[in-house]
Amino acid sequence: MASVSVSVSLPTAPEKTWEGLSDLARWEDWLTIHQSWKSELPAEVAVGAQFTEVVSVMGMANKIEWTVTAVDVPSMVTIAGTGMAGVTVEFTLSVDPEGTGSTASIEASFKGTMIVGPIGKAVAKNAKGDLEVSLAKFAELYG
């Protein structure tokens, strides 16, 4: 298993940060692991909503069938999915107030028989780097 957590402080109000994090159609603008959508996107991020995305970590693309498993508007959404080779992925995107601004965070976990030992550590290291770059891009767009 590989797990990572990254965050960025923003001068924007939590509501504006939430709008950016929860707008699936805008993920391609800032989420560096996003490659493409393979399904229609749900009209709103709600528990049970499903969508399919191709993500890439360490140069390896994987089609993930996502389901929204938890939402607390305007502060948190968790999506869980399964990809090729039995890889399961869970992302929690969250927003917390910070002074007059906010903090955006992403927690990600990757599980599967292929994501153990040294490979799991490499996935975690690369995913963390990718998500740090993603949140830096997010801050440029929404900060």
N, C-alpha and C. Protein backbone atom coordinates (compact mmCIF):
# COMPACT_ATOMS: atom_id res chain seq x y z
N MET A 1 0.84 -1.18 0.00
CA MET A 1 0.00 0.00 0.00
C MET A 1 0.88 1.24 0.00
N ALA A 2 0.43 2.25 -0.71
CA ALA A 2 1.12 3.53 -0.73
C ALA A 2 0.12 4.61 -0.35
N SER A 3 0.50 5.46 0.61
CA SER A 3 -0.37 6.55 1.04
C SER A 3 0.41 7.85 1.07
N VAL A 4 -0.24 8.93 0.65
CA VAL A 4 0.39 10.24 0.67
C VAL A 4 -0.63 11.29 1.09
N SER A 5 -0.11 12.39 1.62
CA SER A 5 -0.96 13.52 2.01
C SER A 5 -0.20 14.79 1.67
N VAL A 6 -0.86 15.69 0.95
CA VAL A 6 -0.25 16.98 0.59
C VAL A 6 -1.28 18.08 0.82
N SER A 7 -0.79 19.30 1.06
CA SER A 7 -1.70 20.43 1.26
C SER A 7 -1.02 21.71 0.83
N VAL A 8 -1.85 22.74 0.60
CA VAL A 8 -1.35 24.05 0.23
C VAL A 8 -2.23 25.11 0.89
N SER A 9 -1.61 26.17 1.37
CA SER A 9 -2.36 27.30 1.94
C SER A 9 -2.71 28.27 0.82
N LEU A 10 -3.93 28.77 0.88
CA LEU A 10 -4.42 29.69 -0.15
C LEU A 10 -5.01 30.94 0.50
N PRO A 11 -4.94 32.09 -0.18
CA PRO A 11 -5.55 33.30 0.36
C PRO A 11 -7.06 33.36 0.12
N THR A 12 -7.59 32.38 -0.60
CA THR A 12 -9.00 32.41 -0.97
C THR A 12 -9.90 31.83 0.12
N ALA A 13 -11.13 32.30 0.12
CA ALA A 13 -12.13 31.79 1.07
C ALA A 13 -12.36 30.30 0.82
N PRO A 14 -12.69 29.55 1.87
CA PRO A 14 -12.92 28.11 1.71
C PRO A 14 -13.95 27.78 0.62
N GLU A 15 -14.99 28.57 0.48
CA GLU A 15 -16.02 28.30 -0.52
C GLU A 15 -15.44 28.32 -1.93
N LYS A 16 -14.57 29.29 -2.22
CA LYS A 16 -13.96 29.37 -3.55
C LYS A 16 -13.01 28.20 -3.77
N THR A 17 -12.25 27.85 -2.74
CA THR A 17 -11.35 26.71 -2.85
C THR A 17 -12.14 25.44 -3.10
N TRP A 18 -13.24 25.27 -2.40
CA TRP A 18 -14.10 24.09 -2.60
C TRP A 18 -14.62 24.03 -4.03
N GLU A 19 -15.06 25.17 -4.56
CA GLU A 19 -15.57 25.19 -5.93
C GLU A 19 -14.54 24.62 -6.89
N GLY A 20 -13.27 25.00 -6.71
CA GLY A 20 -12.22 24.50 -7.58
C GLY A 20 -11.92 23.03 -7.38
N LEU A 21 -11.80 22.59 -6.13
CA LEU A 21 -11.47 21.19 -5.86
C LEU A 21 -12.58 20.24 -6.31
N SER A 22 -13.81 20.64 -6.16
CA SER A 22 -14.93 19.73 -6.43
C SER A 22 -15.45 19.81 -7.87
N ASP A 23 -14.87 20.69 -8.69
CA ASP A 23 -15.29 20.82 -10.09
C ASP A 23 -14.50 19.83 -10.95
N LEU A 24 -15.07 18.65 -11.15
CA LEU A 24 -14.38 17.59 -11.88
C LEU A 24 -13.93 18.05 -13.27
N ALA A 25 -14.74 18.85 -13.92
CA ALA A 25 -14.41 19.30 -15.27
C ALA A 25 -13.14 20.14 -15.31
N ARG A 26 -12.75 20.71 -14.18
CA ARG A 26 -11.54 21.55 -14.13
C ARG A 26 -10.30 20.78 -13.66
N TRP A 27 -10.46 19.51 -13.29
CA TRP A 27 -9.31 18.75 -12.82
C TRP A 27 -8.19 18.72 -13.86
N GLU A 28 -8.55 18.67 -15.13
CA GLU A 28 -7.52 18.61 -16.17
C GLU A 28 -6.66 19.87 -16.19
N ASP A 29 -7.15 20.97 -15.60
CA ASP A 29 -6.39 22.22 -15.55
C ASP A 29 -5.28 22.20 -14.51
N TRP A 30 -5.41 21.35 -13.49
CA TRP A 30 -4.42 21.40 -12.41
C TRP A 30 -3.96 20.04 -11.88
N LEU A 31 -4.74 19.00 -12.04
CA LEU A 31 -4.40 17.70 -11.47
C LEU A 31 -3.47 16.95 -12.43
N THR A 32 -2.18 16.95 -12.12
CA THR A 32 -1.19 16.45 -13.07
C THR A 32 -1.30 14.96 -13.36
N ILE A 33 -1.87 14.18 -12.46
CA ILE A 33 -2.01 12.75 -12.74
C ILE A 33 -3.20 12.45 -13.64
N HIS A 34 -4.06 13.45 -13.85
CA HIS A 34 -5.23 13.27 -14.72
C HIS A 34 -4.77 13.19 -16.17
N GLN A 35 -5.22 12.17 -16.88
CA GLN A 35 -4.91 12.02 -18.30
C GLN A 35 -6.14 12.29 -19.18
N SER A 36 -7.26 11.69 -18.81
CA SER A 36 -8.48 11.89 -19.60
C SER A 36 -9.69 11.31 -18.86
N TRP A 37 -10.85 11.76 -19.30
CA TRP A 37 -12.11 11.20 -18.81
C TRP A 37 -12.56 10.13 -19.80
N LYS A 38 -13.09 9.04 -19.29
CA LYS A 38 -13.60 7.95 -20.12
C LYS A 38 -15.10 7.76 -19.93
N SER A 39 -15.73 8.74 -19.30
CA SER A 39 -17.18 8.69 -19.09
C SER A 39 -17.68 10.12 -18.98
N GLU A 40 -18.99 10.25 -18.99
CA GLU A 40 -19.60 11.54 -18.69
C GLU A 40 -19.35 11.85 -17.22
N LEU A 41 -19.19 13.12 -16.92
CA LEU A 41 -19.01 13.52 -15.52
C LEU A 41 -20.37 13.74 -14.87
N PRO A 42 -20.50 13.42 -13.59
CA PRO A 42 -21.78 13.65 -12.91
C PRO A 42 -22.07 15.15 -12.83
N ALA A 43 -23.36 15.48 -12.85
CA ALA A 43 -23.77 16.88 -12.77
C ALA A 43 -23.35 17.50 -11.45
N GLU A 44 -23.33 16.70 -10.40
CA GLU A 44 -22.85 17.18 -9.10
C GLU A 44 -22.10 16.07 -8.39
N VAL A 45 -21.21 16.48 -7.51
CA VAL A 45 -20.44 15.51 -6.73
C VAL A 45 -21.32 15.12 -5.54
N ALA A 46 -21.90 13.93 -5.64
CA ALA A 46 -22.81 13.43 -4.60
C ALA A 46 -22.49 11.97 -4.34
N VAL A 47 -22.76 11.50 -3.14
CA VAL A 47 -22.50 10.11 -2.79
C VAL A 47 -23.20 9.20 -3.81
N GLY A 48 -22.44 8.24 -4.31
CA GLY A 48 -22.95 7.29 -5.29
C GLY A 48 -22.66 7.68 -6.73
N ALA A 49 -22.30 8.93 -6.97
CA ALA A 49 -21.97 9.35 -8.34
C ALA A 49 -20.76 8.56 -8.83
N GLN A 50 -20.78 8.22 -10.13
CA GLN A 50 -19.70 7.43 -10.69
C GLN A 50 -19.15 8.09 -11.94
N PHE A 51 -17.85 7.89 -12.16
CA PHE A 51 -17.20 8.39 -13.36
C PHE A 51 -15.92 7.60 -13.58
N THR A 52 -15.39 7.67 -14.79
CA THR A 52 -14.20 6.91 -15.13
C THR A 52 -13.12 7.87 -15.63
N GLU A 53 -11.92 7.69 -15.10
CA GLU A 53 -10.81 8.58 -15.41
C GLU A 53 -9.56 7.74 -15.66
N VAL A 54 -8.72 8.21 -16.57
CA VAL A 54 -7.40 7.63 -16.74
C VAL A 54 -6.42 8.51 -15.98
N VAL A 55 -5.70 7.90 -15.04
CA VAL A 55 -4.68 8.61 -14.26
C VAL A 55 -3.33 7.98 -14.57
N SER A 56 -2.27 8.75 -14.33
CA SER A 56 -0.93 8.24 -14.57
C SER A 56 -0.02 8.58 -13.39
N VAL A 57 0.59 7.54 -12.83
CA VAL A 57 1.58 7.70 -11.76
C VAL A 57 2.80 6.90 -12.20
N MET A 58 3.96 7.50 -12.11
CA MET A 58 5.21 6.87 -12.54
C MET A 58 5.18 6.51 -14.02
N GLY A 59 4.45 7.28 -14.82
CA GLY A 59 4.37 7.01 -16.25
C GLY A 59 3.48 5.84 -16.61
N MET A 60 2.80 5.28 -15.61
CA MET A 60 1.92 4.14 -15.86
C MET A 60 0.47 4.60 -15.79
N ALA A 61 -0.20 4.52 -16.92
CA ALA A 61 -1.61 4.92 -16.98
C ALA A 61 -2.49 3.79 -16.45
N ASN A 62 -3.56 4.17 -15.78
CA ASN A 62 -4.50 3.20 -15.26
C ASN A 62 -5.89 3.82 -15.32
N LYS A 63 -6.84 3.08 -15.87
CA LYS A 63 -8.23 3.53 -15.94
C LYS A 63 -8.91 3.19 -14.62
N ILE A 64 -9.40 4.23 -13.94
CA ILE A 64 -10.02 4.04 -12.62
C ILE A 64 -11.52 4.29 -12.73
N GLU A 65 -12.29 3.34 -12.24
CA GLU A 65 -13.75 3.47 -12.15
C GLU A 65 -14.06 4.03 -10.77
N TRP A 66 -14.32 5.34 -10.69
CA TRP A 66 -14.52 6.03 -9.42
C TRP A 66 -15.97 6.00 -8.96
N THR A 67 -16.15 5.98 -7.64
CA THR A 67 -17.45 6.19 -7.01
C THR A 67 -17.23 7.18 -5.87
N VAL A 68 -18.10 8.18 -5.79
CA VAL A 68 -18.04 9.13 -4.68
C VAL A 68 -18.58 8.40 -3.45
N THR A 69 -17.76 8.30 -2.40
CA THR A 69 -18.17 7.54 -1.21
C THR A 69 -18.56 8.41 -0.03
N ALA A 70 -18.12 9.68 -0.04
CA ALA A 70 -18.48 10.60 1.05
C ALA A 70 -18.35 12.03 0.55
N VAL A 71 -19.28 12.87 0.98
CA VAL A 71 -19.24 14.30 0.65
C VAL A 71 -19.73 15.08 1.85
N ASP A 72 -19.01 16.16 2.15
CA ASP A 72 -19.44 17.11 3.17
C ASP A 72 -19.19 18.50 2.58
N VAL A 73 -20.19 18.99 1.83
CA VAL A 73 -20.07 20.29 1.16
C VAL A 73 -20.07 21.38 2.23
N PRO A 74 -19.18 22.31 2.21
CA PRO A 74 -18.12 22.59 1.24
C PRO A 74 -16.72 22.25 1.75
N SER A 75 -16.57 21.09 2.37
CA SER A 75 -15.26 20.85 2.97
C SER A 75 -14.56 19.55 2.58
N MET A 76 -15.27 18.54 2.05
CA MET A 76 -14.59 17.27 1.82
C MET A 76 -15.35 16.40 0.84
N VAL A 77 -14.60 15.72 -0.02
CA VAL A 77 -15.16 14.68 -0.88
C VAL A 77 -14.16 13.53 -0.92
N THR A 78 -14.68 12.31 -0.81
CA THR A 78 -13.85 11.11 -0.93
C THR A 78 -14.36 10.31 -2.11
N ILE A 79 -13.40 9.90 -2.95
CA ILE A 79 -13.73 9.03 -4.07
C ILE A 79 -12.89 7.77 -3.95
N ALA A 80 -13.48 6.64 -4.32
CA ALA A 80 -12.76 5.37 -4.27
C ALA A 80 -12.98 4.68 -5.60
N GLY A 81 -11.94 3.99 -6.06
CA GLY A 81 -12.08 3.34 -7.34
C GLY A 81 -11.17 2.15 -7.50
N THR A 82 -11.45 1.41 -8.57
CA THR A 82 -10.67 0.23 -8.91
C THR A 82 -10.18 0.38 -10.33
N GLY A 83 -8.93 0.00 -10.53
CA GLY A 83 -8.34 0.06 -11.85
C GLY A 83 -7.87 -1.30 -12.31
N MET A 84 -7.04 -1.28 -13.35
CA MET A 84 -6.50 -2.51 -13.91
C MET A 84 -5.61 -3.20 -12.88
N ALA A 85 -5.47 -4.50 -13.02
CA ALA A 85 -4.64 -5.33 -12.15
C ALA A 85 -5.08 -5.29 -10.69
N GLY A 86 -6.35 -4.96 -10.45
CA GLY A 86 -6.89 -4.97 -9.10
C GLY A 86 -6.42 -3.83 -8.21
N VAL A 87 -5.84 -2.79 -8.80
CA VAL A 87 -5.39 -1.64 -8.02
C VAL A 87 -6.61 -0.89 -7.51
N THR A 88 -6.64 -0.60 -6.21
CA THR A 88 -7.70 0.23 -5.65
C THR A 88 -7.08 1.54 -5.18
N VAL A 89 -7.83 2.60 -5.40
CA VAL A 89 -7.35 3.94 -5.10
C VAL A 89 -8.43 4.67 -4.32
N GLU A 90 -8.00 5.47 -3.35
CA GLU A 90 -8.94 6.33 -2.63
C GLU A 90 -8.31 7.72 -2.51
N PHE A 91 -9.07 8.73 -2.88
CA PHE A 91 -8.64 10.12 -2.75
C PHE A 91 -9.64 10.85 -1.85
N THR A 92 -9.13 11.64 -0.92
CA THR A 92 -9.96 12.57 -0.16
C THR A 92 -9.42 13.96 -0.44
N LEU A 93 -10.28 14.80 -1.00
CA LEU A 93 -9.94 16.19 -1.25
C LEU A 93 -10.68 17.01 -0.21
N SER A 94 -9.95 17.87 0.50
CA SER A 94 -10.60 18.61 1.59
C SER A 94 -10.17 20.06 1.61
N VAL A 95 -11.02 20.87 2.24
CA VAL A 95 -10.78 22.30 2.40
C VAL A 95 -11.02 22.65 3.86
N ASP A 96 -10.06 23.37 4.44
CA ASP A 96 -10.20 23.83 5.81
C ASP A 96 -9.98 25.33 5.86
N PRO A 97 -10.76 26.05 6.69
CA PRO A 97 -10.51 27.48 6.86
C PRO A 97 -9.13 27.70 7.49
N GLU A 98 -8.45 28.74 7.07
CA GLU A 98 -7.15 29.10 7.64
C GLU A 98 -7.07 30.62 7.65
N GLY A 99 -7.33 31.22 8.80
CA GLY A 99 -7.35 32.68 8.88
C GLY A 99 -8.43 33.23 7.95
N THR A 100 -8.04 34.14 7.05
CA THR A 100 -9.00 34.67 6.07
C THR A 100 -8.99 33.85 4.79
N GLY A 101 -8.14 32.83 4.73
CA GLY A 101 -8.02 31.99 3.54
C GLY A 101 -8.43 30.57 3.82
N SER A 102 -7.72 29.64 3.20
CA SER A 102 -8.07 28.23 3.35
C SER A 102 -6.86 27.35 3.05
N THR A 103 -7.00 26.09 3.42
CA THR A 103 -6.01 25.08 3.09
C THR A 103 -6.70 24.00 2.25
N ALA A 104 -6.11 23.68 1.11
CA ALA A 104 -6.60 22.58 0.27
C ALA A 104 -5.68 21.39 0.49
N SER A 105 -6.26 20.22 0.68
CA SER A 105 -5.48 19.01 0.93
C SER A 105 -5.97 17.85 0.07
N ILE A 106 -5.03 16.98 -0.24
CA ILE A 106 -5.36 15.73 -0.93
C ILE A 106 -4.68 14.60 -0.18
N GLU A 107 -5.46 13.62 0.20
CA GLU A 107 -4.93 12.39 0.77
C GLU A 107 -5.22 11.29 -0.23
N ALA A 108 -4.21 10.50 -0.56
CA ALA A 108 -4.39 9.45 -1.55
C ALA A 108 -3.81 8.14 -1.05
N SER A 109 -4.49 7.06 -1.33
CA SER A 109 -3.95 5.74 -1.02
C SER A 109 -4.13 4.84 -2.23
N PHE A 110 -3.12 4.02 -2.45
CA PHE A 110 -3.08 3.09 -3.57
C PHE A 110 -2.83 1.71 -3.00
N LYS A 111 -3.68 0.75 -3.34
CA LYS A 111 -3.54 -0.61 -2.80
C LYS A 111 -3.61 -1.61 -3.95
N GLY A 112 -2.95 -2.71 -3.75
CA GLY A 112 -2.99 -3.78 -4.74
C GLY A 112 -1.77 -4.66 -4.62
N THR A 113 -1.84 -5.83 -5.23
CA THR A 113 -0.73 -6.77 -5.13
C THR A 113 0.53 -6.23 -5.79
N MET A 114 0.39 -5.29 -6.71
CA MET A 114 1.55 -4.72 -7.38
C MET A 114 2.14 -3.54 -6.61
N ILE A 115 1.41 -3.04 -5.61
CA ILE A 115 1.86 -1.83 -4.89
C ILE A 115 2.28 -2.22 -3.48
N VAL A 116 3.38 -2.97 -3.43
CA VAL A 116 3.95 -3.41 -2.16
C VAL A 116 5.46 -3.24 -2.21
N GLY A 117 6.10 -3.27 -1.07
CA GLY A 117 7.55 -3.21 -0.99
C GLY A 117 8.14 -2.01 -1.70
N PRO A 118 9.25 -2.19 -2.40
CA PRO A 118 9.91 -1.07 -3.07
C PRO A 118 9.02 -0.38 -4.11
N ILE A 119 8.18 -1.15 -4.79
CA ILE A 119 7.29 -0.54 -5.79
C ILE A 119 6.29 0.36 -5.09
N GLY A 120 5.75 -0.08 -3.97
CA GLY A 120 4.81 0.75 -3.20
C GLY A 120 5.46 2.04 -2.74
N LYS A 121 6.71 1.95 -2.29
CA LYS A 121 7.43 3.15 -1.86
C LYS A 121 7.66 4.10 -3.03
N ALA A 122 7.97 3.56 -4.20
CA ALA A 122 8.19 4.39 -5.39
C ALA A 122 6.88 5.05 -5.83
N VAL A 123 5.79 4.31 -5.76
CA VAL A 123 4.48 4.88 -6.10
C VAL A 123 4.17 6.03 -5.14
N ALA A 124 4.38 5.83 -3.84
CA ALA A 124 4.10 6.88 -2.86
C ALA A 124 4.95 8.11 -3.12
N LYS A 125 6.25 7.91 -3.36
CA LYS A 125 7.15 9.04 -3.61
C LYS A 125 6.72 9.82 -4.85
N ASN A 126 6.44 9.11 -5.94
CA ASN A 126 6.06 9.77 -7.17
C ASN A 126 4.68 10.41 -7.08
N ALA A 127 3.75 9.73 -6.44
CA ALA A 127 2.40 10.31 -6.28
C ALA A 127 2.47 11.58 -5.44
N LYS A 128 3.28 11.56 -4.38
CA LYS A 128 3.41 12.75 -3.54
C LYS A 128 3.95 13.92 -4.36
N GLY A 129 4.99 13.67 -5.14
CA GLY A 129 5.55 14.72 -5.99
C GLY A 129 4.53 15.24 -6.99
N ASP A 130 3.80 14.32 -7.63
CA ASP A 130 2.77 14.72 -8.60
C ASP A 130 1.69 15.56 -7.94
N LEU A 131 1.26 15.16 -6.75
CA LEU A 131 0.18 15.88 -6.08
C LEU A 131 0.65 17.22 -5.53
N GLU A 132 1.92 17.32 -5.14
CA GLU A 132 2.47 18.62 -4.72
C GLU A 132 2.47 19.59 -5.90
N VAL A 133 2.90 19.11 -7.07
CA VAL A 133 2.87 19.95 -8.27
C VAL A 133 1.42 20.31 -8.61
N SER A 134 0.51 19.36 -8.46
CA SER A 134 -0.91 19.61 -8.73
C SER A 134 -1.45 20.74 -7.85
N LEU A 135 -1.17 20.67 -6.55
CA LEU A 135 -1.69 21.71 -5.66
C LEU A 135 -1.01 23.05 -5.91
N ALA A 136 0.24 23.04 -6.36
CA ALA A 136 0.89 24.31 -6.74
C ALA A 136 0.17 24.91 -7.95
N LYS A 137 -0.20 24.08 -8.92
CA LYS A 137 -0.96 24.56 -10.08
C LYS A 137 -2.35 25.04 -9.65
N PHE A 138 -2.95 24.29 -8.73
CA PHE A 138 -4.25 24.69 -8.20
C PHE A 138 -4.17 26.07 -7.56
N ALA A 139 -3.10 26.30 -6.79
CA ALA A 139 -2.92 27.59 -6.12
C ALA A 139 -2.75 28.72 -7.14
N GLU A 140 -2.06 28.43 -8.25
CA GLU A 140 -1.93 29.45 -9.29
C GLU A 140 -3.28 29.83 -9.89
N LEU A 141 -4.14 28.84 -10.06
CA LEU A 141 -5.45 29.07 -10.67
C LEU A 141 -6.46 29.69 -9.70
N TYR A 142 -6.43 29.24 -8.45
CA TYR A 142 -7.48 29.61 -7.50
C TYR A 142 -7.00 30.49 -6.35
N GLY A 143 -5.69 30.68 -6.23
CA GLY A 143 -5.13 31.41 -5.10
C GLY A 143 -5.14 32.91 -5.28
